[in-house]
C-alpha cells in the first residue's frame, strides 16, 4: 500500500508562516498558508496512492478535501514528528510539507518499488519530500531540522543506511515574502498565486 503523507499546521493567524510577518499581517500570512495547503492537498489528491493522510497540528477546516485520513502530529521536535508520521505507515510512503504550493501530481508520482528512497531537496538546504519504500522512523530521528544542512544530513543518513536514493527536483519553500513572490510566479494558476495577488491588491503592496 502506497501512502502519501502531508505534514501541516492548521492555518491559524500567528501560528503559521510567521516569517511572512512583516510585510504581511498574521491574518494575511495565515491566508497564504491556507492557500498553499489547499494547493498541496489538491496535488496529493490527484496523484496515485492507496491512502492519503494529513498529519495535522491543529484542527481540520473547510479547506480539507475529501479522501484524506487525518491524524494528529505527535509531540516533540520536527524530526520526531516526521518519524512518527512514517511509523504510522504499513508500506511505502512519500511525505511532503505544505510549503511548496507549486508541487504537481506528476512530481508526486513515484515508484517506490524501484527505489529504496526518494529525496526532494529544497533551495534553502532542507527538503520538501522524502519517500521510503520501507518506512523506518530511525532514519529521521536525530536529524537537525530547520538548518541550512538539514537536507544534506538527511540524504547522507539514507545513503549511510545503504538505500538507493532517487533525487527529485529542487523546489523552493515559501518562508519569506521573496519566496512567496518567486513561487507564485512558478505556479501562476495556483490558489497561492491568486491569494497573493488578492492581498497585494487589497493592501496596495
Foldseek 3Di string as FASTA:
>chain_A
DEEEEEEEEQLDFPPPLCQPPPVDHSVLRSVLLLLLQLLVQVQVVPADGPAYEYAYDDDDDPSHDPRYHYHYFDDDDPLQRVLVVLVPDPFKYKYFYSFQSLDHSVLVHDDCVVWQKEWAAEPQQATGMIIGGRRDSVLRPPQDPPHNPSRVSSVVSCVVVVTGYDYGYYYYGPNYPVSLVVSCVSVVPGSSVVSVVVVCVVVVD
